[in-house]
Every structure is written in structure tokens, then in C-alpha cells.
């Protein structure tokens, strides 16, 4: 199959479109998993704060869910950055195929035109940054409030 043949171009375009569908599905699924994980960690935090446990040891661990939220959110920021890079590459490739080998505009030309810095990707990254910052601040405040450093070193008895 030659690189400029209609069959090759059609196959490439189908592959690019399939990659775009897969990436879009992956991004939405990862957001769902993030919200599910966030909900579970907030429920754990509620359980710790409500004090529905018998051991005093748990009272010093109020900061842990928020620290985990921070770490997980940073991981999702990294994943989203990678996904955005892949999305840009896919859109550019699809756009190049549409403009070089067809006379009609396609979906990738539309995507390239509407993609801007104030896109879904931009807003999602800032959402993740806000969540990680807030959860880190809460983790630090809870760590200080509940004398959690006593878990790692000897503390004088008060």
C-alpha cells in the first residue's frame, strides 16, 4: 500500500479517529475514577473526624485522607498533561490528513479551530491544582492540630 494511495489515507484517518475516540473515553473514565476515589477518601476523613473508632491512634490520622487526595490529584495532573499532549497530536494528525488529502472539512478541522487555552483541558488542570492545594493545606492543618508528629517521634506527655 503506497503512502499517498486513497486506501492508505483512509486507513490512517480511521486509525486517527479511533485513537481520538479511545482517548476521549479514557479521559472521561479517569475523571470518573478520580471522583470515586475522592469520595472514598472524603468518607474516610468523615469517619476519622466523627470519632467512630475505639483506638486513640486514629485521632492522629485525620490528615492522611487529605494527604492521599493531594498525592492522587498530582498523579492525575500528570496523566491529564500526557492526555492533552496526545490529544493535540491526534487532532493535528487528523487535521493534516483532512487538509492535505480531502477537499471537505472534517471533525478534526473543527476541533483544531475551537481548541484554545481556555479549553476543557485547561479548566480540568486548574480544578486538579485547586483540589490538591486545598487538600494539602487541610492535611497540614490537621497534622498540626492533632499532634500527628507524635507518630514519628517521642512527644512529651502533657
C-alpha atoms as a PDB file:
ATOM      1  CA  UNK A   1       0.000   0.000   0.000  1.00  0.00           C
ATOM      2  CA  UNK A   2       1.543   3.296  -1.087  1.00  0.00           C
ATOM      3  CA  UNK A   3       1.659   6.257   1.287  1.00  0.00           C
ATOM      4  CA  UNK A   4      -0.397   8.510  -0.983  1.00  0.00           C
ATOM      5  CA  UNK A   5      -2.980   5.936  -2.023  1.00  0.00           C
ATOM      6  CA  UNK A   6      -6.610   6.532  -1.132  1.00  0.00           C
ATOM      7  CA  UNK A   7      -6.740   3.256   0.800  1.00  0.00           C
ATOM      8  CA  UNK A   8      -3.721   4.201   2.925  1.00  0.00           C
ATOM      9  CA  UNK A   9      -5.083   7.679   3.655  1.00  0.00           C
ATOM     10  CA  UNK A  10      -8.491   6.251   4.539  1.00  0.00           C
ATOM     11  CA  UNK A  11      -6.900   3.694   6.869  1.00  0.00           C
ATOM     12  CA  UNK A  12      -4.780   6.372   8.539  1.00  0.00           C
ATOM     13  CA  UNK A  13      -7.803   8.625   9.026  1.00  0.00           C
ATOM     14  CA  UNK A  14      -9.808   5.767  10.573  1.00  0.00           C
ATOM     15  CA  UNK A  15      -6.906   4.989  12.924  1.00  0.00           C
ATOM     16  CA  UNK A  16      -6.608   8.618  13.999  1.00  0.00           C
ATOM     17  CA  UNK A  17     -10.374   8.875  14.575  1.00  0.00           C
ATOM     18  CA  UNK A  18     -10.316   5.623  16.566  1.00  0.00           C
ATOM     19  CA  UNK A  19      -7.418   6.911  18.670  1.00  0.00           C
ATOM     20  CA  UNK A  20      -9.369  10.100  19.374  1.00  0.00           C
ATOM     21  CA  UNK A  21     -12.432   8.110  20.477  1.00  0.00           C
ATOM     22  CA  UNK A  22     -10.286   5.897  22.713  1.00  0.00           C
ATOM     23  CA  UNK A  23      -8.507   8.870  24.286  1.00  0.00           C
ATOM     24  CA  UNK A  24     -11.785  10.722  24.914  1.00  0.00           C
ATOM     25  CA  UNK A  25     -13.259   7.639  26.560  1.00  0.00           C
ATOM     26  CA  UNK A  26     -10.097   7.159  28.651  1.00  0.00           C
ATOM     27  CA  UNK A  27     -10.192  10.777  29.837  1.00  0.00           C
ATOM     28  CA  UNK A  28     -13.821  10.595  30.913  1.00  0.00           C
ATOM     29  CA  UNK A  29     -13.268   7.268  32.676  1.00  0.00           C
ATOM     30  CA  UNK A  30     -10.245   8.633  34.511  1.00  0.00           C
ATOM     31  CA  UNK A  31     -12.318  11.593  35.749  1.00  0.00           C
ATOM     32  CA  UNK A  32     -14.974   9.182  36.994  1.00  0.00           C
ATOM     33  CA  UNK A  33     -12.322   7.136  38.834  1.00  0.00           C
ATOM     34  CA  UNK A  34     -10.875  10.302  40.315  1.00  0.00           C
ATOM     35  CA  UNK A  35     -14.257  11.432  41.669  1.00  0.00           C
ATOM     36  CA  UNK A  36     -14.913   7.942  43.059  1.00  0.00           C
ATOM     37  CA  UNK A  37     -11.513   7.892  44.800  1.00  0.00           C
ATOM     38  CA  UNK A  38     -12.011  11.422  46.097  1.00  0.00           C
ATOM     39  CA  UNK A  39     -15.422  10.435  47.519  1.00  0.00           C
ATOM     40  CA  UNK A  40     -13.977   7.378  49.260  1.00  0.00           C
ATOM     41  CA  UNK A  41     -11.169   9.401  50.832  1.00  0.00           C
ATOM     42  CA  UNK A  42     -13.597  12.100  51.984  1.00  0.00           C
ATOM     43  CA  UNK A  43     -15.795   9.377  53.526  1.00  0.00           C
ATOM     44  CA  UNK A  44     -12.707   8.031  55.310  1.00  0.00           C
ATOM     45  CA  UNK A  45     -11.968  11.537  56.557  1.00  0.00           C
ATOM     46  CA  UNK A  46     -15.519  11.848  57.849  1.00  0.00           C
ATOM     47  CA  UNK A  47     -15.174   8.563  59.685  1.00  0.00           C
ATOM     48  CA  UNK A  48     -11.937   9.713  61.314  1.00  0.00           C
ATOM     49  CA  UNK A  49     -13.312  13.130  62.263  1.00  0.00           C
ATOM     50  CA  UNK A  50     -16.583  11.753  63.657  1.00  0.00           C
ATOM     51  CA  UNK A  51     -14.536   9.587  66.012  1.00  0.00           C
ATOM     52  CA  UNK A  52     -16.469   6.377  65.362  1.00  0.00           C
ATOM     53  CA  UNK A  53     -13.437   4.296  66.268  1.00  0.00           C
ATOM     54  CA  UNK A  54     -12.133   2.949  69.541  1.00  0.00           C
ATOM     55  CA  UNK A  55      -8.367   3.462  69.347  1.00  0.00           C
ATOM     56  CA  UNK A  56      -6.897   6.884  70.149  1.00  0.00           C
ATOM     57  CA  UNK A  57      -4.263   6.168  67.484  1.00  0.00           C
ATOM     58  CA  UNK A  58      -6.837   7.015  64.787  1.00  0.00           C
ATOM     59  CA  UNK A  59      -7.273  10.519  66.205  1.00  0.00           C
ATOM     60  CA  UNK A  60      -3.808  11.418  64.972  1.00  0.00           C
ATOM     61  CA  UNK A  61      -4.504  10.224  61.428  1.00  0.00           C
ATOM     62  CA  UNK A  62      -7.071  12.848  60.382  1.00  0.00           C
ATOM     63  CA  UNK A  63      -4.552  14.310  57.932  1.00  0.00           C
ATOM     64  CA  UNK A  64      -3.967  11.061  55.972  1.00  0.00           C
ATOM     65  CA  UNK A  65      -7.019  11.179  53.635  1.00  0.00           C
ATOM     66  CA  UNK A  66      -6.177  14.740  52.626  1.00  0.00           C
ATOM     67  CA  UNK A  67      -2.545  13.869  52.058  1.00  0.00           C
ATOM     68  CA  UNK A  68      -3.660  10.955  49.858  1.00  0.00           C
ATOM     69  CA  UNK A  69      -6.009  13.282  47.961  1.00  0.00           C
ATOM     70  CA  UNK A  70      -3.069  15.590  47.307  1.00  0.00           C
ATOM     71  CA  UNK A  71      -0.836  12.765  46.047  1.00  0.00           C
ATOM     72  CA  UNK A  72      -3.555  11.215  43.878  1.00  0.00           C
ATOM     73  CA  UNK A  73      -4.511  14.591  42.427  1.00  0.00           C
ATOM     74  CA  UNK A  74      -0.898  15.312  41.470  1.00  0.00           C
ATOM     75  CA  UNK A  75      -0.829  11.947  39.695  1.00  0.00           C
ATOM     76  CA  UNK A  76      -3.994  12.917  37.813  1.00  0.00           C
ATOM     77  CA  UNK A  77      -2.428  16.262  36.825  1.00  0.00           C
ATOM     78  CA  UNK A  78       0.479  14.337  35.293  1.00  0.00           C
ATOM     79  CA  UNK A  79      -1.908  11.967  33.494  1.00  0.00           C
ATOM     80  CA  UNK A  80      -4.014  14.836  32.193  1.00  0.00           C
ATOM     81  CA  UNK A  81      -0.915  16.616  30.871  1.00  0.00           C
ATOM     82  CA  UNK A  82       0.043  13.457  28.993  1.00  0.00           C
ATOM     83  CA  UNK A  83      -3.507  13.021  27.700  1.00  0.00           C
ATOM     84  CA  UNK A  84      -3.633  16.637  26.491  1.00  0.00           C
ATOM     85  CA  UNK A  85      -0.349  16.164  24.613  1.00  0.00           C
ATOM     86  CA  UNK A  86      -1.707  13.020  22.950  1.00  0.00           C
ATOM     87  CA  UNK A  87      -4.978  14.769  22.125  1.00  0.00           C
ATOM     88  CA  UNK A  88      -3.145  17.663  20.475  1.00  0.00           C
ATOM     89  CA  UNK A  89      -1.067  15.226  18.422  1.00  0.00           C
ATOM     90  CA  UNK A  90      -4.147  13.296  17.320  1.00  0.00           C
ATOM     91  CA  UNK A  91      -6.026  16.469  16.378  1.00  0.00           C
ATOM     92  CA  UNK A  92      -3.023  17.780  14.434  1.00  0.00           C
ATOM     93  CA  UNK A  93      -2.607  14.474  12.588  1.00  0.00           C
ATOM     94  CA  UNK A  94      -6.310  14.290  11.728  1.00  0.00           C
ATOM     95  CA  UNK A  95      -6.307  17.920  10.632  1.00  0.00           C
ATOM     96  CA  UNK A  96      -3.254  17.339   8.424  1.00  0.00           C
ATOM     97  CA  UNK A  97      -4.931  14.370   6.740  1.00  0.00           C
ATOM     98  CA  UNK A  98      -8.123  16.381   6.176  1.00  0.00           C
ATOM     99  CA  UNK A  99      -6.392  19.433   4.726  1.00  0.00           C
ATOM    100  CA  UNK A 100      -3.817  17.634   2.573  1.00  0.00           C
ATOM    101  CA  UNK A 101      -5.898  14.835   1.116  1.00  0.00           C
ATOM    102  CA  UNK A 102      -9.540  15.959   1.080  1.00  0.00           C
ATOM    103  CA  UNK A 103     -11.460  18.912  -0.210  1.00  0.00           C
ATOM    104  CA  UNK A 104     -14.051  18.972   2.571  1.00  0.00           C
ATOM    105  CA  UNK A 105     -13.535  19.954   6.172  1.00  0.00           C
ATOM    106  CA  UNK A 106     -13.898  17.275   8.777  1.00  0.00           C
ATOM    107  CA  UNK A 107     -14.213  16.944  12.517  1.00  0.00           C
ATOM    108  CA  UNK A 108     -10.513  17.500  13.174  1.00  0.00           C
ATOM    109  CA  UNK A 109     -10.558  20.855  11.403  1.00  0.00           C
ATOM    110  CA  UNK A 110     -13.397  21.874  13.716  1.00  0.00           C
ATOM    111  CA  UNK A 111     -11.552  20.583  16.775  1.00  0.00           C
ATOM    112  CA  UNK A 112      -8.409  22.482  15.809  1.00  0.00           C
ATOM    113  CA  UNK A 113     -10.403  25.703  15.406  1.00  0.00           C
ATOM    114  CA  UNK A 114     -12.158  25.534  18.781  1.00  0.00           C
ATOM    115  CA  UNK A 115      -9.194  24.281  20.799  1.00  0.00           C
ATOM    116  CA  UNK A 116      -7.780  27.073  22.945  1.00  0.00           C
ATOM    117  CA  UNK A 117      -6.038  27.598  26.264  1.00  0.00           C
ATOM    118  CA  UNK A 118      -9.427  28.025  27.944  1.00  0.00           C
ATOM    119  CA  UNK A 119     -10.417  24.555  26.913  1.00  0.00           C
ATOM    120  CA  UNK A 120     -11.678  21.610  28.889  1.00  0.00           C
ATOM    121  CA  UNK A 121      -8.067  20.529  29.450  1.00  0.00           C
ATOM    122  CA  UNK A 122      -7.077  23.923  30.844  1.00  0.00           C
ATOM    123  CA  UNK A 123     -10.042  24.027  33.229  1.00  0.00           C
ATOM    124  CA  UNK A 124      -9.531  20.425  34.334  1.00  0.00           C
ATOM    125  CA  UNK A 125      -5.880  21.062  35.200  1.00  0.00           C
ATOM    126  CA  UNK A 126      -6.813  24.107  37.273  1.00  0.00           C
ATOM    127  CA  UNK A 127      -9.538  22.096  39.005  1.00  0.00           C
ATOM    128  CA  UNK A 128      -6.943  19.459  39.925  1.00  0.00           C
ATOM    129  CA  UNK A 129      -4.462  22.110  41.088  1.00  0.00           C
ATOM    130  CA  UNK A 130      -7.121  23.747  43.279  1.00  0.00           C
ATOM    131  CA  UNK A 131      -8.150  20.409  44.821  1.00  0.00           C
ATOM    132  CA  UNK A 132      -4.545  19.374  45.514  1.00  0.00           C
ATOM    133  CA  UNK A 133      -3.687  22.749  47.060  1.00  0.00           C
ATOM    134  CA  UNK A 134      -6.757  22.831  49.291  1.00  0.00           C
ATOM    135  CA  UNK A 135      -6.319  19.219  50.402  1.00  0.00           C
ATOM    136  CA  UNK A 136      -2.636  19.795  51.165  1.00  0.00           C
ATOM    137  CA  UNK A 137      -3.462  22.826  53.321  1.00  0.00           C
ATOM    138  CA  UNK A 138      -6.132  20.842  55.169  1.00  0.00           C
ATOM    139  CA  UNK A 139      -3.676  17.946  55.662  1.00  0.00           C
ATOM    140  CA  UNK A 140      -1.050  20.261  57.151  1.00  0.00           C
ATOM    141  CA  UNK A 141      -3.574  21.958  59.447  1.00  0.00           C
ATOM    142  CA  UNK A 142      -4.921  18.607  60.670  1.00  0.00           C
ATOM    143  CA  UNK A 143      -1.388  17.290  61.119  1.00  0.00           C
ATOM    144  CA  UNK A 144      -0.569  20.245  63.386  1.00  0.00           C
ATOM    145  CA  UNK A 145      -3.902  20.294  65.218  1.00  0.00           C
ATOM    146  CA  UNK A 146      -3.847  16.625  66.201  1.00  0.00           C
ATOM    147  CA  UNK A 147      -0.159  16.427  67.142  1.00  0.00           C
ATOM    148  CA  UNK A 148       0.393  13.880  64.406  1.00  0.00           C
ATOM    149  CA  UNK A 149       4.162  14.340  64.541  1.00  0.00           C
ATOM    150  CA  UNK A 150       3.976  12.227  67.701  1.00  0.00           C
ATOM    151  CA  UNK A 151       3.504   9.270  65.369  1.00  0.00           C
ATOM    152  CA  UNK A 152       7.071   9.755  64.143  1.00  0.00           C
ATOM    153  CA  UNK A 153       8.938  10.968  67.250  1.00  0.00           C
ATOM    154  CA  UNK A 154       8.621  10.979  71.006  1.00  0.00           C
ATOM    155  CA  UNK A 155       6.397  13.713  72.316  1.00  0.00           C
ATOM    156  CA  UNK A 156       6.407  14.982  75.878  1.00  0.00           C
ATOM    157  CA  UNK A 157       3.325  13.990  77.834  1.00  0.00           C
ATOM    158  CA  UNK A 158       1.110  16.954  78.551  1.00  0.00           C
END
